[in-house]
Structure formats: C-alpha cells, structure tokens
Amino acid sequence: MRLTTRTNLALRTLMFCAVNKDRLVRKQDAASAVNASENHLAQVINKLAQEGFITTLRGRHGGFHLARAASSISVGAVFRAFESELPFIECFSDHNTCPLKAHCIMRPHLSRAVEAFYSALDELYLSELVSCNSGLEALLSMDGPRVPSRCAPSGKDDGFIARPIPELAAQ
C-alpha cells in the first residue's frame, strides 16, 4: 500500500499544528516546515478544514490551527479522509473493467486487509506522534528550540511510546 502525497502532507501539517498549539500558523510557515509547495499545501489545508481537523481564518493576519485537541484526532480518520476517495485496487472502483470480476474471490480479502490497516491507525492519535518528541519539536516549533520535555516509557509491550512524567510536566 502506498499513501498519496496529500495524506503525507496532511499528517505533517497536523503535526506542525500540534507542536505549535495555541498559535495561529500560516500556510507559508507550514509549507517551509513540512517541505511542501504552498499551492499543494493549500489544497491539503482546504481538505483538513472541510473534514473538521483544522479551523482556518482568512485575511492578512489569517492562518489555521487544530480544530480540536490533538488527543482526539485519530491518524486513521485522517488517512480515511484523504485516501477513501481513491480505490485501493480496480475491483473497489465503480469503473471496474477487470475480466475476472465475476469469479474472483480476492476482493473481500483485500477489503479486510485495507480495513485492518485503517483500524490499526484508528488507535493512534496525533498527540502520540508529537508528545515527548523533542526531535520533532525542534524541527517544527515556530518558537525555536524548547527545553526538552522529560518523558517515561508508557509500559506498553509494543515498544517504547514516551509519555510525560506527570510530576515533571507540571514544573
């Protein structure tokens, strides 16, 4: 499976917003930070706004920011918003010209596989991508380098996912 450039830019843009929370960010700043053309990013920003992931403000002092908390934005929902319009394979398309379509039993298996892919990403939230990620913060923060946050392992068995240490995060 290969994701579109638009999906990739959408996730990068949302991470940029999450790192710069409580700020209205400009398209120019986001384009520079995520290595995208402003024209291409404008299309992505428009779709993100239509889907309710970001809120935009037009005008000279305009920009955009997350429409809701990063902890409520599922990566799976973002991917579905950008990828669902494109069929994964021809047999998922309304214009299926495959000569095997009447007898092929691969479609339900592919359908389950694609849904499993999205389901795995439904459990991942934008906040998990940016929280305690000082390297990402250094790359995307509009305020310059920050004091590194102190994080601890989450205790999950599926690898190290950093979480803020509550008593240190309050300092």
Protein backbone atom coordinates (compact mmCIF):
# COMPACT_ATOMS: atom_id res chain seq x y z
CA MET A 1 0.00 0.00 0.00
CA ARG A 2 1.30 3.43 -0.89
CA LEU A 3 -0.17 6.61 0.57
CA THR A 4 -0.70 9.71 -1.51
CA THR A 5 1.44 12.80 -1.09
CA ARG A 6 -1.67 14.65 0.10
CA THR A 7 -2.14 12.21 3.00
CA ASN A 8 1.52 12.52 3.92
CA LEU A 9 1.30 16.33 3.87
CA ALA A 10 -1.93 16.27 5.86
CA LEU A 11 -0.30 14.35 8.69
CA ARG A 12 2.80 16.56 8.61
CA THR A 13 0.61 19.67 8.69
CA LEU A 14 -1.40 18.38 11.63
CA MET A 15 1.84 17.58 13.50
CA PHE A 16 3.05 21.13 12.75
CA CYS A 17 -0.19 22.50 14.23
CA ALA A 18 0.06 20.21 17.25
CA VAL A 19 3.64 21.24 18.02
CA ASN A 20 2.62 24.90 17.66
CA LYS A 21 -0.62 24.57 19.59
CA ASP A 22 -2.22 27.75 20.87
CA ARG A 23 -0.86 29.56 17.79
CA LEU A 24 -2.39 30.52 14.51
CA VAL A 25 0.05 29.17 11.92
CA ARG A 26 0.46 30.48 8.40
CA LYS A 27 0.49 28.40 5.26
CA GLN A 28 3.96 29.74 4.38
CA ASP A 29 5.41 28.62 7.70
CA ALA A 30 3.80 25.20 7.46
CA ALA A 31 4.94 24.72 3.85
CA SER A 32 8.51 25.53 4.81
CA ALA A 33 8.45 23.28 7.87
CA VAL A 34 6.94 20.25 6.10
CA ASN A 35 8.84 20.69 2.82
CA ALA A 36 5.85 21.33 0.57
CA SER A 37 4.84 23.84 -2.05
CA GLU A 38 2.35 26.41 -0.82
CA ASN A 39 0.00 25.61 -3.70
CA HIS A 40 -0.08 21.89 -2.89
CA LEU A 41 -0.39 22.58 0.82
CA ALA A 42 -3.32 24.95 0.18
CA GLN A 43 -5.32 22.00 -1.21
CA VAL A 44 -4.43 19.89 1.83
CA ILE A 45 -5.35 22.70 4.25
CA ASN A 46 -8.68 23.13 2.49
CA LYS A 47 -9.48 19.41 2.86
CA LEU A 48 -8.33 19.36 6.51
CA ALA A 49 -10.69 22.27 7.19
CA GLN A 50 -13.60 20.63 5.33
CA GLU A 51 -13.10 17.46 7.37
CA GLY A 52 -13.05 19.42 10.66
CA PHE A 53 -9.43 18.74 11.63
CA ILE A 54 -8.38 22.40 11.49
CA THR A 55 -10.01 25.79 11.68
CA THR A 56 -8.94 28.47 9.22
CA LEU A 57 -9.01 32.23 9.45
CA ARG A 58 -8.79 34.21 6.24
CA GLY A 59 -7.21 37.58 5.72
CA ARG A 60 -3.93 39.38 6.21
CA HIS A 61 -3.43 38.02 9.70
CA GLY A 62 -5.05 34.69 8.91
CA GLY A 63 -3.82 31.16 9.29
CA PHE A 64 -5.04 27.93 10.78
CA HIS A 65 -4.88 25.79 13.91
CA LEU A 66 -6.22 22.48 15.18
CA ALA A 67 -9.99 22.49 15.46
CA ARG A 68 -9.85 20.17 18.46
CA ALA A 69 -7.34 18.59 20.81
CA ALA A 70 -4.59 16.50 19.22
CA SER A 71 -5.61 13.69 21.55
CA SER A 72 -8.96 13.45 19.74
CA ILE A 73 -7.57 13.32 16.18
CA SER A 74 -7.13 9.73 15.07
CA VAL A 75 -4.49 9.08 12.42
CA GLY A 76 -6.87 6.52 10.92
CA ALA A 77 -9.56 9.19 10.49
CA VAL A 78 -7.06 11.47 8.73
CA PHE A 79 -5.95 8.69 6.40
CA ARG A 80 -9.55 7.73 5.62
CA ALA A 81 -10.42 11.35 4.83
CA PHE A 82 -7.64 11.59 2.28
CA GLU A 83 -7.44 8.04 0.93
CA SER A 84 -11.05 6.82 0.84
CA GLU A 85 -11.80 8.62 -2.43
CA LEU A 86 -9.12 6.57 -4.18
CA PRO A 87 -9.83 2.88 -4.68
CA PHE A 88 -7.10 0.65 -3.32
CA ILE A 89 -7.40 -1.63 -6.35
CA GLU A 90 -9.51 -1.60 -9.50
CA CYS A 91 -12.11 -4.02 -8.12
CA PHE A 92 -13.00 -1.40 -5.47
CA SER A 93 -13.72 1.14 -8.22
CA ASP A 94 -17.06 1.94 -9.83
CA HIS A 95 -15.24 1.64 -13.16
CA ASN A 96 -14.01 -1.93 -12.70
CA THR A 97 -13.04 -3.36 -16.08
CA CYS A 98 -11.28 -6.45 -14.74
CA PRO A 99 -12.26 -9.50 -16.78
CA LEU A 100 -12.04 -11.68 -13.63
CA LYS A 101 -14.50 -9.67 -11.52
CA ALA A 102 -17.38 -12.13 -11.85
CA HIS A 103 -15.35 -15.04 -10.44
CA CYS A 104 -12.53 -13.53 -8.38
CA ILE A 105 -12.72 -14.06 -4.64
CA MET A 106 -9.79 -11.77 -3.79
CA ARG A 107 -11.91 -8.63 -3.22
CA PRO A 108 -13.27 -9.49 0.26
CA HIS A 109 -9.78 -10.44 1.43
CA LEU A 110 -8.32 -7.16 0.18
CA SER A 111 -11.21 -5.28 1.72
CA ARG A 112 -10.48 -6.86 5.13
CA ALA A 113 -6.77 -6.06 4.76
CA VAL A 114 -7.42 -2.40 3.97
CA GLU A 115 -9.84 -2.13 6.89
CA ALA A 116 -7.27 -3.74 9.21
CA PHE A 117 -4.74 -1.12 8.07
CA TYR A 118 -7.12 1.74 8.92
CA SER A 119 -8.22 0.08 12.17
CA ALA A 120 -4.62 -0.14 13.34
CA LEU A 121 -4.25 3.60 12.70
CA ASP A 122 -7.55 4.39 14.43
CA GLU A 123 -5.82 3.56 17.71
CA LEU A 124 -3.06 6.10 17.08
CA TYR A 125 -3.71 9.75 17.89
CA LEU A 126 -1.96 12.91 16.76
CA SER A 127 -0.96 13.68 20.33
CA GLU A 128 1.02 10.41 20.49
CA LEU A 129 3.07 11.49 17.47
CA VAL A 130 4.13 14.80 18.98
CA SER A 131 4.09 14.28 22.75
CA CYS A 132 7.57 13.90 24.26
CA ASN A 133 9.12 14.06 20.80
CA SER A 134 11.83 16.68 21.28
CA GLY A 135 13.34 15.96 17.85
CA LEU A 136 10.04 16.72 16.15
CA GLU A 137 9.53 19.79 18.31
CA ALA A 138 12.97 21.07 17.31
CA LEU A 139 12.09 20.66 13.64
CA LEU A 140 8.57 22.07 13.72
CA SER A 141 8.42 24.60 16.57
CA MET A 142 7.95 28.17 15.43
CA ASP A 143 9.27 29.37 18.80
CA GLY A 144 12.72 27.86 18.30
CA PRO A 145 14.28 25.16 20.46
CA ARG A 146 12.43 24.32 23.65
CA VAL A 147 13.54 22.84 26.90
CA PRO A 148 13.38 19.07 26.30
CA SER A 149 10.37 17.52 27.98
CA ARG A 150 11.01 14.69 30.39
CA CYS A 151 9.19 11.54 29.45
CA ALA A 152 8.84 8.00 30.67
CA PRO A 153 8.02 4.73 28.91
CA SER A 154 4.30 4.05 28.63
CA GLY A 155 4.58 0.49 29.88
CA LYS A 156 3.07 -0.94 26.69
CA ASP A 157 4.51 -4.14 25.32
CA ASP A 158 4.54 -2.91 21.72
CA GLY A 159 7.66 -0.76 22.10
CA PHE A 160 8.63 2.50 23.68
CA ILE A 161 6.00 5.19 23.49
CA ALA A 162 7.00 8.16 25.56
CA ARG A 163 4.55 9.77 27.94
CA PRO A 164 5.05 12.91 30.04
CA ILE A 165 6.05 12.26 33.63
CA PRO A 166 3.16 13.96 35.50
CA GLU A 167 5.18 15.40 38.36
CA LEU A 168 7.78 16.82 35.97
CA ALA A 169 5.30 18.07 33.36
CA ALA A 170 3.73 20.34 36.00
CA GLN A 171 7.04 22.12 36.61
